[in-house]
PDB file of N, CA and C in Angstrom:
ATOM      1  N   UNK A   1     -45.297  10.215  60.496  1.00  0.00           N
ATOM      2  CA  UNK A   1     -45.445   9.606  59.222  1.00  0.00           C
ATOM      3  C   UNK A   1     -44.789   8.215  59.227  1.00  0.00           C
ATOM      4  N   UNK A   2     -45.475   7.321  58.701  1.00  0.00           N
ATOM      5  CA  UNK A   2     -44.977   5.960  58.663  1.00  0.00           C
ATOM      6  C   UNK A   2     -44.460   5.623  57.285  1.00  0.00           C
ATOM      7  N   UNK A   3     -43.394   4.882  57.277  1.00  0.00           N
ATOM      8  CA  UNK A   3     -42.868   4.404  56.003  1.00  0.00           C
ATOM      9  C   UNK A   3     -43.553   3.100  55.637  1.00  0.00           C
ATOM     10  N   UNK A   4     -43.711   3.018  54.357  1.00  0.00           N
ATOM     11  CA  UNK A   4     -44.308   1.768  53.906  1.00  0.00           C
ATOM     12  C   UNK A   4     -43.216   0.732  53.780  1.00  0.00           C
ATOM     13  N   UNK A   5     -43.593  -0.500  53.897  1.00  0.00           N
ATOM     14  CA  UNK A   5     -42.629  -1.567  53.843  1.00  0.00           C
ATOM     15  C   UNK A   5     -42.043  -1.722  52.433  1.00  0.00           C
ATOM     16  N   UNK A   6     -42.845  -1.504  51.367  1.00  0.00           N
ATOM     17  CA  UNK A   6     -42.356  -1.604  49.994  1.00  0.00           C
ATOM     18  C   UNK A   6     -41.298  -0.549  49.723  1.00  0.00           C
ATOM     19  N   UNK A   7     -41.536   0.629  50.201  1.00  0.00           N
ATOM     20  CA  UNK A   7     -40.592   1.715  49.997  1.00  0.00           C
ATOM     21  C   UNK A   7     -39.276   1.432  50.722  1.00  0.00           C
ATOM     22  N   UNK A   8     -39.348   0.898  51.893  1.00  0.00           N
ATOM     23  CA  UNK A   8     -38.165   0.572  52.669  1.00  0.00           C
ATOM     24  C   UNK A   8     -37.361  -0.538  51.986  1.00  0.00           C
ATOM     25  N   UNK A   9     -38.033  -1.506  51.421  1.00  0.00           N
ATOM     26  CA  UNK A   9     -37.355  -2.575  50.709  1.00  0.00           C
ATOM     27  C   UNK A   9     -36.617  -2.034  49.482  1.00  0.00           C
ATOM     28  N   UNK A  10     -37.257  -1.143  48.768  1.00  0.00           N
ATOM     29  CA  UNK A  10     -36.622  -0.535  47.598  1.00  0.00           C
ATOM     30  C   UNK A  10     -35.370   0.231  47.984  1.00  0.00           C
ATOM     31  N   UNK A  11     -35.448   1.058  48.992  1.00  0.00           N
ATOM     32  CA  UNK A  11     -34.287   1.862  49.396  1.00  0.00           C
ATOM     33  C   UNK A  11     -33.168   0.997  49.971  1.00  0.00           C
ATOM     34  N   UNK A  12     -33.487  -0.061  50.592  1.00  0.00           N
ATOM     35  CA  UNK A  12     -32.429  -0.949  51.082  1.00  0.00           C
ATOM     36  C   UNK A  12     -31.721  -1.640  49.911  1.00  0.00           C
ATOM     37  N   UNK A  13     -32.498  -2.007  48.904  1.00  0.00           N
ATOM     38  CA  UNK A  13     -31.883  -2.590  47.707  1.00  0.00           C
ATOM     39  C   UNK A  13     -30.970  -1.579  47.016  1.00  0.00           C
ATOM     40  N   UNK A  14     -31.429  -0.349  46.900  1.00  0.00           N
ATOM     41  CA  UNK A  14     -30.628   0.701  46.266  1.00  0.00           C
ATOM     42  C   UNK A  14     -29.365   0.956  47.074  1.00  0.00           C
ATOM     43  N   UNK A  15     -29.478   0.996  48.364  1.00  0.00           N
ATOM     44  CA  UNK A  15     -28.341   1.256  49.222  1.00  0.00           C
ATOM     45  C   UNK A  15     -27.270   0.160  49.093  1.00  0.00           C
ATOM     46  N   UNK A  16     -27.682  -1.084  48.994  1.00  0.00           N
ATOM     47  CA  UNK A  16     -26.713  -2.184  48.900  1.00  0.00           C
ATOM     48  C   UNK A  16     -26.180  -2.395  47.482  1.00  0.00           C
ATOM     49  N   UNK A  17     -26.926  -1.947  46.514  1.00  0.00           N
ATOM     50  CA  UNK A  17     -26.470  -2.167  45.136  1.00  0.00           C
ATOM     51  C   UNK A  17     -25.715  -0.976  44.550  1.00  0.00           C
ATOM     52  N   UNK A  18     -25.781   0.164  45.178  1.00  0.00           N
ATOM     53  CA  UNK A  18     -25.112   1.343  44.617  1.00  0.00           C
ATOM     54  C   UNK A  18     -23.594   1.210  44.674  1.00  0.00           C
ATOM     55  N   UNK A  19     -23.054   0.615  45.688  1.00  0.00           N
ATOM     56  CA  UNK A  19     -21.602   0.469  45.823  1.00  0.00           C
ATOM     57  C   UNK A  19     -21.049  -0.456  44.723  1.00  0.00           C
ATOM     58  N   UNK A  20     -21.607  -1.640  44.494  1.00  0.00           N
ATOM     59  CA  UNK A  20     -21.085  -2.459  43.389  1.00  0.00           C
ATOM     60  C   UNK A  20     -21.250  -1.797  42.021  1.00  0.00           C
ATOM     61  N   UNK A  21     -22.334  -1.076  41.851  1.00  0.00           N
ATOM     62  CA  UNK A  21     -22.537  -0.399  40.567  1.00  0.00           C
ATOM     63  C   UNK A  21     -21.464   0.668  40.359  1.00  0.00           C
ATOM     64  N   UNK A  22     -21.136   1.406  41.378  1.00  0.00           N
ATOM     65  CA  UNK A  22     -20.092   2.431  41.272  1.00  0.00           C
ATOM     66  C   UNK A  22     -18.736   1.767  41.010  1.00  0.00           C
ATOM     67  N   UNK A  23     -18.448   0.674  41.684  1.00  0.00           N
ATOM     68  CA  UNK A  23     -17.182  -0.024  41.475  1.00  0.00           C
ATOM     69  C   UNK A  23     -17.101  -0.554  40.045  1.00  0.00           C
ATOM     70  N   UNK A  24     -18.176  -1.150  39.566  1.00  0.00           N
ATOM     71  CA  UNK A  24     -18.200  -1.652  38.187  1.00  0.00           C
ATOM     72  C   UNK A  24     -18.030  -0.501  37.202  1.00  0.00           C
ATOM     73  N   UNK A  25     -18.675   0.612  37.464  1.00  0.00           N
ATOM     74  CA  UNK A  25     -18.554   1.774  36.597  1.00  0.00           C
ATOM     75  C   UNK A  25     -17.111   2.283  36.551  1.00  0.00           C
ATOM     76  N   UNK A  26     -16.454   2.338  37.680  1.00  0.00           N
ATOM     77  CA  UNK A  26     -15.058   2.789  37.724  1.00  0.00           C
ATOM     78  C   UNK A  26     -14.157   1.821  36.960  1.00  0.00           C
ATOM     79  N   UNK A  27     -14.360   0.519  37.171  1.00  0.00           N
ATOM     80  CA  UNK A  27     -13.557  -0.460  36.434  1.00  0.00           C
ATOM     81  C   UNK A  27     -13.806  -0.368  34.924  1.00  0.00           C
ATOM     82  N   UNK A  28     -15.028  -0.113  34.526  1.00  0.00           N
ATOM     83  CA  UNK A  28     -15.323   0.042  33.103  1.00  0.00           C
ATOM     84  C   UNK A  28     -14.626   1.276  32.529  1.00  0.00           C
ATOM     85  N   UNK A  29     -14.588   2.353  33.292  1.00  0.00           N
ATOM     86  CA  UNK A  29     -13.887   3.554  32.835  1.00  0.00           C
ATOM     87  C   UNK A  29     -12.388   3.300  32.702  1.00  0.00           C
ATOM     88  N   UNK A  30     -11.812   2.603  33.645  1.00  0.00           N
ATOM     89  CA  UNK A  30     -10.383   2.286  33.587  1.00  0.00           C
ATOM     90  C   UNK A  30     -10.107   1.373  32.399  1.00  0.00           C
ATOM     91  N   UNK A  31     -10.957   0.376  32.195  1.00  0.00           N
ATOM     92  CA  UNK A  31     -10.784  -0.531  31.061  1.00  0.00           C
ATOM     93  C   UNK A  31     -10.899   0.230  29.738  1.00  0.00           C
ATOM     94  N   UNK A  32     -11.886   1.116  29.651  1.00  0.00           N
ATOM     95  CA  UNK A  32     -12.065   1.904  28.434  1.00  0.00           C
ATOM     96  C   UNK A  32     -10.846   2.785  28.167  1.00  0.00           C
ATOM     97  N   UNK A  33     -10.323   3.411  29.184  1.00  0.00           N
ATOM     98  CA  UNK A  33      -9.140   4.252  29.028  1.00  0.00           C
ATOM     99  C   UNK A  33      -7.938   3.422  28.588  1.00  0.00           C
ATOM    100  N   UNK A  34      -7.779   2.229  29.150  1.00  0.00           N
ATOM    101  CA  UNK A  34      -6.652   1.387  28.751  1.00  0.00           C
ATOM    102  C   UNK A  34      -6.810   0.913  27.303  1.00  0.00           C
ATOM    103  N   UNK A  35      -8.032   0.627  26.870  1.00  0.00           N
ATOM    104  CA  UNK A  35      -8.263   0.230  25.481  1.00  0.00           C
ATOM    105  C   UNK A  35      -7.969   1.378  24.519  1.00  0.00           C
ATOM    106  N   UNK A  36      -8.359   2.579  24.884  1.00  0.00           N
ATOM    107  CA  UNK A  36      -8.076   3.738  24.036  1.00  0.00           C
ATOM    108  C   UNK A  36      -6.571   3.958  23.927  1.00  0.00           C
ATOM    109  N   UNK A  37      -5.871   3.837  25.031  1.00  0.00           N
ATOM    110  CA  UNK A  37      -4.417   3.989  25.023  1.00  0.00           C
ATOM    111  C   UNK A  37      -3.768   2.904  24.170  1.00  0.00           C
ATOM    112  N   UNK A  38      -4.247   1.683  24.293  1.00  0.00           N
ATOM    113  CA  UNK A  38      -3.715   0.583  23.483  1.00  0.00           C
ATOM    114  C   UNK A  38      -3.957   0.843  21.994  1.00  0.00           C
ATOM    115  N   UNK A  39      -5.130   1.311  21.656  1.00  0.00           N
ATOM    116  CA  UNK A  39      -5.427   1.630  20.251  1.00  0.00           C
ATOM    117  C   UNK A  39      -4.562   2.772  19.743  1.00  0.00           C
ATOM    118  N   UNK A  40      -4.291   3.747  20.575  1.00  0.00           N
ATOM    119  CA  UNK A  40      -3.412   4.846  20.167  1.00  0.00           C
ATOM    120  C   UNK A  40      -2.006   4.330  19.867  1.00  0.00           C
ATOM    121  N   UNK A  41      -1.512   3.412  20.695  1.00  0.00           N
ATOM    122  CA  UNK A  41      -0.194   2.823  20.434  1.00  0.00           C
ATOM    123  C   UNK A  41      -0.190   2.047  19.122  1.00  0.00           C
ATOM    124  N   UNK A  42      -1.241   1.272  18.898  1.00  0.00           N
ATOM    125  CA  UNK A  42      -1.316   0.506  17.649  1.00  0.00           C
ATOM    126  C   UNK A  42      -1.395   1.429  16.441  1.00  0.00           C
ATOM    127  N   UNK A  43      -2.156   2.502  16.553  1.00  0.00           N
ATOM    128  CA  UNK A  43      -2.266   3.465  15.446  1.00  0.00           C
ATOM    129  C   UNK A  43      -0.913   4.101  15.173  1.00  0.00           C
ATOM    130  N   UNK A  44      -0.190   4.467  16.221  1.00  0.00           N
ATOM    131  CA  UNK A  44       1.127   5.085  16.014  1.00  0.00           C
ATOM    132  C   UNK A  44       2.104   4.100  15.382  1.00  0.00           C
ATOM    133  N   UNK A  45       2.023   2.814  15.762  1.00  0.00           N
ATOM    134  CA  UNK A  45       2.885   1.809  15.129  1.00  0.00           C
ATOM    135  C   UNK A  45       2.556   1.662  13.651  1.00  0.00           C
ATOM    136  N   UNK A  46       1.268   1.661  13.321  1.00  0.00           N
ATOM    137  CA  UNK A  46       0.873   1.550  11.910  1.00  0.00           C
ATOM    138  C   UNK A  46       1.258   2.800  11.119  1.00  0.00           C
ATOM    139  N   UNK A  47       1.179   3.944  11.745  1.00  0.00           N
ATOM    140  CA  UNK A  47       1.609   5.180  11.081  1.00  0.00           C
ATOM    141  C   UNK A  47       3.106   5.137  10.790  1.00  0.00           C
ATOM    142  N   UNK A  48       3.881   4.639  11.754  1.00  0.00           N
ATOM    143  CA  UNK A  48       5.325   4.520  11.545  1.00  0.00           C
ATOM    144  C   UNK A  48       5.615   3.539  10.411  1.00  0.00           C
ATOM    145  N   UNK A  49       4.905   2.405  10.396  1.00  0.00           N
ATOM    146  CA  UNK A  49       5.085   1.426   9.325  1.00  0.00           C
ATOM    147  C   UNK A  49       4.692   2.026   7.983  1.00  0.00           C
ATOM    148  N   UNK A  50       3.630   2.810   7.964  1.00  0.00           N
ATOM    149  CA  UNK A  50       3.187   3.474   6.728  1.00  0.00           C
ATOM    150  C   UNK A  50       4.245   4.441   6.223  1.00  0.00           C
ATOM    151  N   UNK A  51       4.835   5.212   7.127  1.00  0.00           N
ATOM    152  CA  UNK A  51       5.877   6.155   6.726  1.00  0.00           C
ATOM    153  C   UNK A  51       7.102   5.413   6.188  1.00  0.00           C
ATOM    154  N   UNK A  52       7.458   4.294   6.826  1.00  0.00           N
ATOM    155  CA  UNK A  52       8.584   3.489   6.334  1.00  0.00           C
ATOM    156  C   UNK A  52       8.293   2.946   4.936  1.00  0.00           C
ATOM    157  N   UNK A  53       7.067   2.483   4.724  1.00  0.00           N
ATOM    158  CA  UNK A  53       6.707   1.953   3.406  1.00  0.00           C
ATOM    159  C   UNK A  53       6.687   3.054   2.343  1.00  0.00           C
ATOM    160  N   UNK A  54       6.244   4.249   2.707  1.00  0.00           N
ATOM    161  CA  UNK A  54       6.266   5.366   1.753  1.00  0.00           C
ATOM    162  C   UNK A  54       7.703   5.726   1.386  1.00  0.00           C
ATOM    163  N   UNK A  55       8.592   5.697   2.372  1.00  0.00           N
ATOM    164  CA  UNK A  55      10.003   5.980   2.111  1.00  0.00           C
ATOM    165  C   UNK A  55      10.596   4.911   1.197  1.00  0.00           C
ATOM    166  N   UNK A  56      10.251   3.654   1.457  1.00  0.00           N
ATOM    167  CA  UNK A  56      10.726   2.559   0.618  1.00  0.00           C
ATOM    168  C   UNK A  56      10.169   2.694  -0.801  1.00  0.00           C
ATOM    169  N   UNK A  57       8.930   3.125  -0.918  1.00  0.00           N
ATOM    170  CA  UNK A  57       8.331   3.326  -2.247  1.00  0.00           C
ATOM    171  C   UNK A  57       9.078   4.405  -3.011  1.00  0.00           C
ATOM    172  N   UNK A  58       9.424   5.499  -2.338  1.00  0.00           N
ATOM    173  CA  UNK A  58      10.182   6.566  -2.993  1.00  0.00           C
ATOM    174  C   UNK A  58      11.544   6.060  -3.469  1.00  0.00           C
ATOM    175  N   UNK A  59      12.216   5.270  -2.620  1.00  0.00           N
ATOM    176  CA  UNK A  59      13.518   4.721  -3.004  1.00  0.00           C
ATOM    177  C   UNK A  59      13.393   3.800  -4.217  1.00  0.00           C
ATOM    178  N   UNK A  60      12.348   2.987  -4.239  1.00  0.00           N
ATOM    179  CA  UNK A  60      12.158   2.077  -5.370  1.00  0.00           C
ATOM    180  C   UNK A  60      11.826   2.831  -6.651  1.00  0.00           C
ATOM    181  N   UNK A  61      11.091   3.934  -6.547  1.00  0.00           N
ATOM    182  CA  UNK A  61      10.791   4.746  -7.734  1.00  0.00           C
ATOM    183  C   UNK A  61      12.081   5.346  -8.284  1.00  0.00           C
ATOM    184  N   UNK A  62      12.953   5.800  -7.386  1.00  0.00           N
ATOM    185  CA  UNK A  62      14.236   6.356  -7.827  1.00  0.00           C
ATOM    186  C   UNK A  62      15.087   5.276  -8.490  1.00  0.00           C
ATOM    187  N   UNK A  63      15.118   4.073  -7.893  1.00  0.00           N
ATOM    188  CA  UNK A  63      15.885   2.979  -8.498  1.00  0.00           C
ATOM    189  C   UNK A  63      15.334   2.615  -9.874  1.00  0.00           C
ATOM    190  N   UNK A  64      14.001   2.582  -9.993  1.00  0.00           N
ATOM    191  CA  UNK A  64      13.389   2.245 -11.282  1.00  0.00           C
ATOM    192  C   UNK A  64      13.733   3.284 -12.336  1.00  0.00           C
ATOM    193  N   UNK A  65      13.631   4.556 -11.965  1.00  0.00           N
ATOM    194  CA  UNK A  65      13.953   5.596 -12.939  1.00  0.00           C
ATOM    195  C   UNK A  65      15.435   5.560 -13.312  1.00  0.00           C
ATOM    196  N   UNK A  66      16.286   5.195 -12.355  1.00  0.00           N
ATOM    197  CA  UNK A  66      17.715   5.068 -12.659  1.00  0.00           C
ATOM    198  C   UNK A  66      17.970   3.901 -13.606  1.00  0.00           C
ATOM    199  N   UNK A  67      17.281   2.776 -13.374  1.00  0.00           N
ATOM    200  CA  UNK A  67      17.475   1.615 -14.244  1.00  0.00           C
ATOM    201  C   UNK A  67      16.900   1.842 -15.638  1.00  0.00           C
ATOM    202  N   UNK A  68      15.862   2.636 -15.756  1.00  0.00           N
ATOM    203  CA  UNK A  68      15.244   2.872 -17.058  1.00  0.00           C
ATOM    204  C   UNK A  68      15.799   4.099 -17.773  1.00  0.00           C
ATOM    205  N   UNK A  69      16.823   4.718 -17.211  1.00  0.00           N
ATOM    206  CA  UNK A  69      17.399   5.889 -17.863  1.00  0.00           C
ATOM    207  C   UNK A  69      18.121   5.476 -19.147  1.00  0.00           C
ATOM    208  N   UNK A  70      18.200   6.403 -20.080  1.00  0.00           N
ATOM    209  CA  UNK A  70      18.821   6.119 -21.380  1.00  0.00           C
ATOM    210  C   UNK A  70      20.300   5.784 -21.206  1.00  0.00           C
ATOM    211  N   UNK A  71      20.975   6.481 -20.320  1.00  0.00           N
ATOM    212  CA  UNK A  71      22.401   6.227 -20.113  1.00  0.00           C
ATOM    213  C   UNK A  71      22.627   4.816 -19.581  1.00  0.00           C
ATOM    214  N   UNK A  72      21.785   4.375 -18.668  1.00  0.00           N
ATOM    215  CA  UNK A  72      21.952   3.032 -18.113  1.00  0.00           C
ATOM    216  C   UNK A  72      21.655   1.966 -19.158  1.00  0.00           C
ATOM    217  N   UNK A  73      20.627   2.167 -19.964  1.00  0.00           N
ATOM    218  CA  UNK A  73      20.307   1.202 -21.013  1.00  0.00           C
ATOM    219  C   UNK A  73      21.436   1.148 -22.032  1.00  0.00           C
ATOM    220  N   UNK A  74      21.993   2.308 -22.376  1.00  0.00           N
ATOM    221  CA  UNK A  74      23.113   2.346 -23.320  1.00  0.00           C
ATOM    222  C   UNK A  74      24.327   1.644 -22.727  1.00  0.00           C
ATOM    223  N   UNK A  75      24.589   1.865 -21.462  1.00  0.00           N
ATOM    224  CA  UNK A  75      25.727   1.218 -20.802  1.00  0.00           C
ATOM    225  C   UNK A  75      25.563  -0.303 -20.811  1.00  0.00           C
ATOM    226  N   UNK A  76      24.376  -0.773 -20.448  1.00  0.00           N
ATOM    227  CA  UNK A  76      24.138  -2.224 -20.420  1.00  0.00           C
ATOM    228  C   UNK A  76      24.267  -2.804 -21.820  1.00  0.00           C
ATOM    229  N   UNK A  77      23.730  -2.113 -22.818  1.00  0.00           N
ATOM    230  CA  UNK A  77      23.793  -2.624 -24.183  1.00  0.00           C
ATOM    231  C   UNK A  77      25.229  -2.675 -24.686  1.00  0.00           C
ATOM    232  N   UNK A  78      26.024  -1.669 -24.385  1.00  0.00           N
ATOM    233  CA  UNK A  78      27.386  -1.618 -24.921  1.00  0.00           C
ATOM    234  C   UNK A  78      28.348  -2.498 -24.121  1.00  0.00           C
ATOM    235  N   UNK A  79      28.286  -2.437 -22.810  1.00  0.00           N
ATOM    236  CA  UNK A  79      29.282  -3.141 -21.988  1.00  0.00           C
ATOM    237  C   UNK A  79      28.905  -4.592 -21.727  1.00  0.00           C
ATOM    238  N   UNK A  80      27.686  -4.833 -21.341  1.00  0.00           N
ATOM    239  CA  UNK A  80      27.329  -6.188 -20.940  1.00  0.00           C
ATOM    240  C   UNK A  80      26.881  -7.043 -22.118  1.00  0.00           C
ATOM    241  N   UNK A  81      26.182  -6.463 -23.082  1.00  0.00           N
ATOM    242  CA  UNK A  81      25.691  -7.242 -24.215  1.00  0.00           C
ATOM    243  C   UNK A  81      26.606  -7.154 -25.426  1.00  0.00           C
ATOM    244  N   UNK A  82      27.558  -6.240 -25.415  1.00  0.00           N
ATOM    245  CA  UNK A  82      28.516  -6.135 -26.503  1.00  0.00           C
ATOM    246  C   UNK A  82      27.958  -5.497 -27.766  1.00  0.00           C
ATOM    247  N   UNK A  83      26.903  -4.740 -27.670  1.00  0.00           N
ATOM    248  CA  UNK A  83      26.342  -4.071 -28.845  1.00  0.00           C
ATOM    249  C   UNK A  83      27.120  -2.794 -29.129  1.00  0.00           C
ATOM    250  N   UNK A  84      27.188  -2.416 -30.404  1.00  0.00           N
ATOM    251  CA  UNK A  84      27.874  -1.190 -30.801  1.00  0.00           C
ATOM    252  C   UNK A  84      26.991  -0.411 -31.752  1.00  0.00           C
ATOM    253  N   UNK A  85      27.349   0.852 -31.954  1.00  0.00           N
ATOM    254  CA  UNK A  85      26.654   1.649 -32.954  1.00  0.00           C
ATOM    255  C   UNK A  85      27.059   1.162 -34.343  1.00  0.00           C
ATOM    256  N   UNK A  86      26.127   1.101 -35.282  1.00  0.00           N
ATOM    257  CA  UNK A  86      26.469   0.589 -36.618  1.00  0.00           C
ATOM    258  C   UNK A  86      27.286   1.612 -37.403  1.00  0.00           C
ATOM    259  N   UNK A  87      28.165   1.070 -38.302  1.00  0.00           N
ATOM    260  CA  UNK A  87      28.907   1.934 -39.215  1.00  0.00           C
ATOM    261  C   UNK A  87      27.970   2.363 -40.338  1.00  0.00           C
ATOM    262  N   UNK A  88      28.353   3.440 -41.003  1.00  0.00           N
ATOM    263  CA  UNK A  88      27.536   3.904 -42.131  1.00  0.00           C
ATOM    264  C   UNK A  88      27.523   2.890 -43.268  1.00  0.00           C
ATOM    265  N   UNK A  89      28.594   2.164 -43.383  1.00  0.00           N
ATOM    266  CA  UNK A  89      28.694   1.192 -44.462  1.00  0.00           C
ATOM    267  C   UNK A  89      27.817  -0.036 -44.204  1.00  0.00           C
ATOM    268  N   UNK A  90      27.537  -0.318 -42.947  1.00  0.00           N
ATOM    269  CA  UNK A  90      26.791  -1.521 -42.608  1.00  0.00           C
ATOM    270  C   UNK A  90      25.295  -1.267 -42.440  1.00  0.00           C
ATOM    271  N   UNK A  91      24.847  -0.065 -42.643  1.00  0.00           N
ATOM    272  CA  UNK A  91      23.428   0.258 -42.491  1.00  0.00           C
ATOM    273  C   UNK A  91      22.716  -0.014 -43.806  1.00  0.00           C
ATOM    274  N   UNK A  92      21.618  -0.697 -43.758  1.00  0.00           N
ATOM    275  CA  UNK A  92      20.803  -0.989 -44.935  1.00  0.00           C
ATOM    276  C   UNK A  92      19.486  -0.247 -44.782  1.00  0.00           C
ATOM    277  N   UNK A  93      19.165   0.565 -45.745  1.00  0.00           N
ATOM    278  CA  UNK A  93      17.913   1.296 -45.724  1.00  0.00           C
ATOM    279  C   UNK A  93      16.853   0.498 -46.479  1.00  0.00           C
ATOM    280  N   UNK A  94      15.716   0.338 -45.905  1.00  0.00           N
ATOM    281  CA  UNK A  94      14.631  -0.409 -46.524  1.00  0.00           C
ATOM    282  C   UNK A  94      13.541   0.587 -46.879  1.00  0.00           C
ATOM    283  N   UNK A  95      13.165   0.588 -48.162  1.00  0.00           N
ATOM    284  CA  UNK A  95      12.111   1.491 -48.591  1.00  0.00           C
ATOM    285  C   UNK A  95      10.772   0.806 -48.390  1.00  0.00           C
ATOM    286  N   UNK A  96       9.835   1.601 -48.020  1.00  0.00           N
ATOM    287  CA  UNK A  96       8.490   1.088 -47.806  1.00  0.00           C
ATOM    288  C   UNK A  96       7.793   1.019 -49.153  1.00  0.00           C
ATOM    289  N   UNK A  97       7.317  -0.134 -49.485  1.00  0.00           N
ATOM    290  CA  UNK A  97       6.624  -0.298 -50.759  1.00  0.00           C
ATOM    291  C   UNK A  97       5.179   0.148 -50.653  1.00  0.00           C
ATOM    292  N   UNK A  98       4.673   0.701 -51.704  1.00  0.00           N
ATOM    293  CA  UNK A  98       3.275   1.126 -51.722  1.00  0.00           C
ATOM    294  C   UNK A  98       2.417   0.034 -52.344  1.00  0.00           C
ATOM    295  N   UNK A  99       2.414  -1.104 -51.758  1.00  0.00           N
ATOM    296  CA  UNK A  99       1.637  -2.228 -52.270  1.00  0.00           C
ATOM    297  C   UNK A  99       0.265  -2.219 -51.604  1.00  0.00           C
ATOM    298  N   UNK A 100      -0.776  -2.425 -52.368  1.00  0.00           N
ATOM    299  CA  UNK A 100      -2.122  -2.332 -51.812  1.00  0.00           C
ATOM    300  C   UNK A 100      -2.560  -3.573 -51.035  1.00  0.00           C
ATOM    301  N   UNK A 101      -1.859  -4.676 -51.149  1.00  0.00           N
ATOM    302  CA  UNK A 101      -2.328  -5.894 -50.483  1.00  0.00           C
ATOM    303  C   UNK A 101      -1.575  -6.107 -49.175  1.00  0.00           C
ATOM    304  N   UNK A 102      -2.143  -6.939 -48.357  1.00  0.00           N
ATOM    305  CA  UNK A 102      -1.525  -7.257 -47.068  1.00  0.00           C
ATOM    306  C   UNK A 102      -0.487  -8.347 -47.254  1.00  0.00           C
ATOM    307  N   UNK A 103       0.515  -8.329 -46.408  1.00  0.00           N
ATOM    308  CA  UNK A 103       1.538  -9.356 -46.448  1.00  0.00           C
ATOM    309  C   UNK A 103       1.165 -10.465 -45.480  1.00  0.00           C
ATOM    310  N   UNK A 104       1.559 -11.663 -45.839  1.00  0.00           N
ATOM    311  CA  UNK A 104       1.370 -12.778 -44.936  1.00  0.00           C
ATOM    312  C   UNK A 104       2.739 -13.372 -44.626  1.00  0.00           C
ATOM    313  N   UNK A 105       2.802 -14.028 -43.492  1.00  0.00           N
ATOM    314  CA  UNK A 105       4.068 -14.629 -43.088  1.00  0.00           C
ATOM    315  C   UNK A 105       4.281 -15.909 -43.880  1.00  0.00           C
ATOM    316  N   UNK A 106       5.446 -16.014 -44.468  1.00  0.00           N
ATOM    317  CA  UNK A 106       5.762 -17.200 -45.228  1.00  0.00           C
ATOM    318  C   UNK A 106       7.012 -17.001 -46.042  1.00  0.00           C
ATOM    319  N   UNK A 107       7.428 -18.033 -46.746  1.00  0.00           N
ATOM    320  CA  UNK A 107       8.639 -17.937 -47.544  1.00  0.00           C
ATOM    321  C   UNK A 107       8.384 -17.508 -48.978  1.00  0.00           C
ATOM    322  N   UNK A 108       7.158 -17.575 -49.442  1.00  0.00           N
ATOM    323  CA  UNK A 108       6.871 -17.187 -50.827  1.00  0.00           C
ATOM    324  C   UNK A 108       6.733 -15.678 -50.941  1.00  0.00           C
ATOM    325  N   UNK A 109       7.182 -15.137 -52.058  1.00  0.00           N
ATOM    326  CA  UNK A 109       7.166 -13.691 -52.295  1.00  0.00           C
ATOM    327  C   UNK A 109       5.793 -13.246 -52.813  1.00  0.00           C
ATOM    328  N   UNK A 110       5.394 -12.026 -52.507  1.00  0.00           N
ATOM    329  CA  UNK A 110       4.107 -11.549 -53.001  1.00  0.00           C
ATOM    330  C   UNK A 110       4.146 -11.365 -54.516  1.00  0.00           C
ATOM    331  N   UNK A 111       3.058 -11.664 -55.159  1.00  0.00           N
ATOM    332  CA  UNK A 111       2.955 -11.560 -56.612  1.00  0.00           C
ATOM    333  C   UNK A 111       2.464 -10.175 -56.959  1.00  0.00           C
ATOM    334  N   UNK A 112       3.112  -9.556 -57.996  1.00  0.00           N
ATOM    335  CA  UNK A 112       2.702  -8.212 -58.418  1.00  0.00           C
ATOM    336  C   UNK A 112       1.646  -8.275 -59.471  1.00  0.00           C
TER     337      UNK A 112
END
């Protein structure tokens, strides 16, 4: 049986090109593995940063609730601003009038 020249040319091309293709394939696999590993490291760094930010958020929520507590507001009002509870003698009670008209801002009194 005789080989055809076209067939021989094809197989020689395949024989010489298979080695570079295998080498390129191996390098691509190594590159892909290194990229996946790099992405895993980046993901773990972002997860750590996320956990740190969540912890910081919890601390800030606690600080906010502490600053907005009634005891803290009372302390700031009494100690830093000098406010005190009013005496019974100094309290003025204002009765709500049952007037049918709306009030406007100004110095003149409403007419009855």
